[in-house]
Amino acid sequence: MIPLHDDNPTRIRPLVTIGLIGINVLVFFWEISLGPDGLQRVVYAFGAIPAVLFDRVELSPGLAVIPAELTLLTSMFMHGGWMHLISNMLYLWIFGNNIEDAMGHGRFIFFYILCGLAAALAHALLDPGSRIPMIGASGAISGVLGAYLLLYPHARVLVGVPLGFFIYTLYLPAMLVLGFWFLLQVINSTAAAAGQEGGVAWFAHIGGFVAGMILIPLFKHRDVRFFNPPRR
């Protein structure tokens, strides 16, 4: 299922959500402007590498341009390809505006970053010897999805379901769309742990999602209720 739109209006203009999308897009254009070799260098320099974070290996002096701890932040603004960027920004645009609306601009910035940090740490702690750089906004956006599930489980989400050469669209409750998404992360993380699937930091998605659910009570406005009924 590909989410396309949610039927859940906001009260404020999502300036932070728009800004985050703009930053991610600009960083990606900078990445691809460096060419294949330059792109590989910046991924290793600014991506979060668990083995480097836990001092198991060291980067060469030409790549160790920032402290390893800071890569937990820089990694969440980098992407490895067009589909990686587009899918992440689509989810952020659809679900991020409502979470920003529920907590305000300033709190949303801190919430987003904390979810991203929690996601990166979840991945690193479960695979501390990995030398593969982790990049992408998926972990932080997973936190947004976790918060959305608790606040707006009944919101209607327009999804596209590919059927051969056609895409069938229908509205589904957010609890079904996000629950199905989370189930896929669990299944894929299990496959990855068994050595059958690799290349994606599935545990970061799970860690970010859980972090979003834990943090949302601390960041939302007091007048925003959990499990809001569908808006007419």
Protein backbone atom coordinates (compact mmCIF):
# COMPACT_ATOMS: atom_id res chain seq x y z
CA MET A 1 0.00 0.00 0.00
CA ILE A 2 1.29 3.42 -0.97
CA PRO A 3 -0.17 6.32 1.09
CA LEU A 4 -1.18 9.25 -1.09
CA HIS A 5 -3.14 11.60 1.15
CA ASP A 6 -4.88 11.73 4.52
CA ASP A 7 -8.28 13.24 5.23
CA ASN A 8 -7.10 15.04 8.36
CA PRO A 9 -6.98 18.87 8.12
CA THR A 10 -4.60 20.96 10.23
CA ARG A 11 -5.02 24.27 12.02
CA ILE A 12 -1.54 25.68 11.33
CA ARG A 13 0.74 25.85 8.33
CA PRO A 14 3.31 23.02 8.69
CA LEU A 15 6.39 25.22 8.30
CA VAL A 16 8.76 22.77 10.00
CA THR A 17 7.54 19.83 7.91
CA ILE A 18 8.02 21.87 4.74
CA GLY A 19 11.44 23.02 5.96
CA LEU A 20 12.57 19.47 6.74
CA ILE A 21 11.52 18.31 3.28
CA GLY A 22 13.40 21.23 1.73
CA ILE A 23 16.58 20.48 3.70
CA ASN A 24 16.50 16.79 2.77
CA VAL A 25 16.00 17.61 -0.91
CA LEU A 26 18.82 20.18 -0.92
CA VAL A 27 21.20 17.78 0.82
CA PHE A 28 20.36 15.08 -1.70
CA PHE A 29 21.06 17.40 -4.64
CA TRP A 30 24.39 18.23 -3.02
CA GLU A 31 25.16 14.53 -2.66
CA ILE A 32 24.49 13.66 -6.30
CA SER A 33 26.44 16.71 -7.47
CA LEU A 34 29.59 15.11 -6.03
CA GLY A 35 29.54 12.16 -8.43
CA PRO A 36 29.73 8.46 -7.46
CA ASP A 37 33.12 8.68 -5.71
CA GLY A 38 32.26 11.86 -3.85
CA LEU A 39 28.91 10.43 -2.83
CA GLN A 40 30.57 7.36 -1.36
CA ARG A 41 32.97 9.54 0.63
CA VAL A 42 30.26 11.74 2.17
CA VAL A 43 28.13 8.69 3.04
CA TYR A 44 31.03 7.27 5.05
CA ALA A 45 31.93 10.66 6.50
CA PHE A 46 28.43 11.73 7.58
CA GLY A 47 26.54 8.41 7.82
CA ALA A 48 26.15 6.69 11.18
CA ILE A 49 28.46 3.64 11.28
CA PRO A 50 27.83 1.50 14.39
CA ALA A 51 31.40 0.11 14.54
CA VAL A 52 32.79 3.66 14.48
CA LEU A 53 30.30 4.88 17.09
CA PHE A 54 31.43 2.15 19.51
CA ASP A 55 35.16 2.58 18.74
CA ARG A 56 35.54 -0.83 17.12
CA VAL A 57 37.06 0.66 13.97
CA GLU A 58 38.36 4.06 12.94
CA LEU A 59 37.70 6.03 9.80
CA SER A 60 40.64 7.23 7.76
CA PRO A 61 41.67 10.82 8.57
CA GLY A 62 40.16 12.05 5.31
CA LEU A 63 36.73 10.75 6.28
CA ALA A 64 36.70 11.51 10.01
CA VAL A 65 35.64 15.12 9.49
CA ILE A 66 33.12 15.27 12.38
CA PRO A 67 32.83 13.44 15.72
CA ALA A 68 31.22 10.02 15.36
CA GLU A 69 28.40 10.99 17.74
CA LEU A 70 27.41 13.86 15.45
CA THR A 71 26.78 11.45 12.57
CA LEU A 72 23.66 10.30 14.42
CA LEU A 73 22.25 13.71 13.45
CA THR A 74 23.79 14.27 10.02
CA SER A 75 22.82 10.80 8.81
CA MET A 76 19.10 11.54 9.09
CA PHE A 77 19.32 14.22 6.40
CA MET A 78 21.03 12.04 3.78
CA HIS A 79 19.57 9.57 1.28
CA GLY A 80 20.99 6.89 -0.97
CA GLY A 81 18.83 7.37 -4.06
CA TRP A 82 15.77 8.98 -5.59
CA MET A 83 13.30 6.34 -4.41
CA HIS A 84 14.75 6.47 -0.90
CA LEU A 85 14.25 10.24 -0.81
CA ILE A 86 10.82 10.32 -2.48
CA SER A 87 9.28 7.60 -0.30
CA ASN A 88 10.54 9.20 2.90
CA MET A 89 9.40 12.70 1.95
CA LEU A 90 5.98 11.38 0.90
CA TYR A 91 5.42 9.84 4.33
CA LEU A 92 6.72 12.98 6.05
CA TRP A 93 4.42 15.24 4.01
CA ILE A 94 1.30 13.13 4.60
CA PHE A 95 1.71 12.46 8.32
CA GLY A 96 4.15 15.11 9.56
CA ASN A 97 1.84 18.10 9.21
CA ASN A 98 -0.70 16.68 11.68
CA ILE A 99 1.95 15.86 14.28
CA GLU A 100 3.42 19.35 13.91
CA ASP A 101 -0.11 20.71 14.33
CA ALA A 102 -0.57 18.63 17.50
CA MET A 103 2.55 19.98 19.23
CA GLY A 104 3.57 23.23 17.51
CA HIS A 105 6.59 24.15 15.41
CA GLY A 106 9.31 24.24 18.07
CA ARG A 107 8.35 21.05 19.85
CA PHE A 108 8.05 19.23 16.53
CA ILE A 109 11.69 19.99 15.68
CA PHE A 110 12.91 18.43 18.93
CA PHE A 111 10.47 15.52 18.64
CA TYR A 112 11.63 14.74 15.11
CA ILE A 113 15.32 14.86 16.01
CA LEU A 114 14.87 12.77 19.18
CA CYS A 115 13.00 10.09 17.22
CA GLY A 116 15.78 10.06 14.63
CA LEU A 117 18.45 9.71 17.30
CA ALA A 118 16.53 6.92 19.05
CA ALA A 119 16.13 5.09 15.74
CA ALA A 120 19.81 5.31 14.89
CA LEU A 121 20.82 4.12 18.36
CA ALA A 122 18.38 1.19 18.18
CA HIS A 123 20.02 0.05 14.96
CA ALA A 124 23.56 0.60 16.26
CA LEU A 125 23.00 -1.17 19.58
CA LEU A 126 21.54 -4.24 17.90
CA ASP A 127 24.41 -4.46 15.40
CA PRO A 128 27.38 -2.69 17.04
CA GLY A 129 29.95 -4.31 14.78
CA SER A 130 28.38 -3.18 11.51
CA ARG A 131 30.64 -1.15 9.23
CA ILE A 132 27.81 -0.17 6.89
CA PRO A 133 26.81 3.53 7.07
CA MET A 134 23.20 4.17 7.98
CA ILE A 135 21.59 7.16 6.27
CA GLY A 136 18.06 8.41 5.73
CA ALA A 137 15.18 10.15 7.47
CA SER A 138 13.27 6.88 7.89
CA GLY A 139 13.94 6.58 11.62
CA ALA A 140 12.73 10.08 12.45
CA ILE A 141 9.70 9.70 10.17
CA SER A 142 8.92 6.36 11.84
CA GLY A 143 8.57 8.32 15.07
CA VAL A 144 6.05 10.58 13.34
CA LEU A 145 4.09 7.50 12.26
CA GLY A 146 4.08 6.10 15.79
CA ALA A 147 2.72 9.39 17.15
CA TYR A 148 0.11 9.59 14.39
CA LEU A 149 -1.14 6.10 15.23
CA LEU A 150 -1.86 7.13 18.82
CA LEU A 151 -3.44 10.48 17.97
CA TYR A 152 -5.36 9.83 14.76
CA PRO A 153 -5.96 6.08 14.33
CA HIS A 154 -9.36 6.72 12.77
CA ALA A 155 -8.21 9.27 10.18
CA ARG A 156 -8.86 8.17 6.62
CA VAL A 157 -5.78 7.64 4.45
CA LEU A 158 -6.00 7.39 0.68
CA VAL A 159 -3.72 4.56 -0.44
CA GLY A 160 -2.75 3.18 -3.80
CA VAL A 161 -2.60 -0.59 -4.25
CA PRO A 162 -0.62 -1.68 -7.34
CA LEU A 163 -2.50 -4.31 -9.35
CA GLY A 164 -0.42 -5.20 -12.37
CA PHE A 165 -0.22 -2.11 -14.60
CA PHE A 166 -2.94 -0.30 -12.63
CA ILE A 167 -3.11 1.31 -9.20
CA TYR A 168 -6.36 0.83 -7.30
CA THR A 169 -7.07 3.61 -4.77
CA LEU A 170 -9.21 3.43 -1.64
CA TYR A 171 -9.53 5.05 1.77
CA LEU A 172 -8.45 3.04 4.82
CA PRO A 173 -8.23 3.91 8.53
CA ALA A 174 -4.80 5.11 9.59
CA MET A 175 -4.61 2.34 12.19
CA LEU A 176 -4.78 -0.23 9.40
CA VAL A 177 -2.27 1.53 7.13
CA LEU A 178 0.28 2.21 9.87
CA GLY A 179 -0.31 -1.11 11.59
CA PHE A 180 0.39 -2.90 8.31
CA TRP A 181 3.51 -0.75 7.82
CA PHE A 182 4.81 -1.62 11.30
CA LEU A 183 4.11 -5.32 10.76
CA LEU A 184 6.22 -5.21 7.60
CA GLN A 185 9.10 -3.67 9.56
CA VAL A 186 8.92 -6.48 12.15
CA ILE A 187 8.80 -9.17 9.45
CA ASN A 188 11.71 -7.66 7.53
CA SER A 189 13.78 -7.15 10.68
CA THR A 190 13.27 -10.80 11.56
CA ALA A 191 14.39 -11.81 8.08
CA ALA A 192 17.42 -9.52 8.37
CA ALA A 193 18.38 -11.03 11.72
CA ALA A 194 18.21 -14.47 10.09
CA GLY A 195 20.51 -13.29 7.31
CA GLN A 196 17.83 -13.43 4.64
CA GLU A 197 17.39 -9.71 4.09
CA GLY A 198 19.87 -6.83 4.21
CA GLY A 199 20.57 -3.29 3.10
CA VAL A 200 17.83 -1.58 5.14
CA ALA A 201 18.02 -0.58 8.81
CA TRP A 202 14.71 -2.22 9.77
CA PHE A 203 15.46 -2.01 13.50
CA ALA A 204 15.87 1.75 13.14
CA HIS A 205 12.31 1.95 11.80
CA ILE A 206 11.02 -0.04 14.75
CA GLY A 207 13.04 1.99 17.24
CA GLY A 208 11.85 5.29 15.79
CA PHE A 209 8.21 4.14 15.75
CA VAL A 210 8.33 3.07 19.40
CA ALA A 211 10.13 6.29 20.36
CA GLY A 212 7.39 8.34 18.72
CA MET A 213 4.72 6.52 20.70
CA ILE A 214 6.64 7.05 23.95
CA LEU A 215 7.45 10.73 23.34
CA ILE A 216 4.13 11.97 21.99
CA PRO A 217 2.50 12.36 25.45
CA LEU A 218 5.35 14.67 26.44
CA PHE A 219 5.23 16.85 23.32
CA LYS A 220 1.58 17.17 22.26
CA HIS A 221 -0.57 20.09 23.36
CA ARG A 222 -2.76 19.37 26.35
CA ASP A 223 -5.97 19.87 24.38
CA VAL A 224 -4.98 17.23 21.81
CA ARG A 225 -6.58 13.92 22.73
CA PHE A 226 -5.39 10.41 22.05
CA PHE A 227 -7.40 8.24 19.64
CA ASN A 228 -9.22 11.17 18.09
CA PRO A 229 -12.46 10.18 16.32
CA PRO A 230 -12.64 10.65 12.55
CA ARG A 231 -13.36 14.21 11.44
CA ARG A 232 -16.55 14.75 9.47
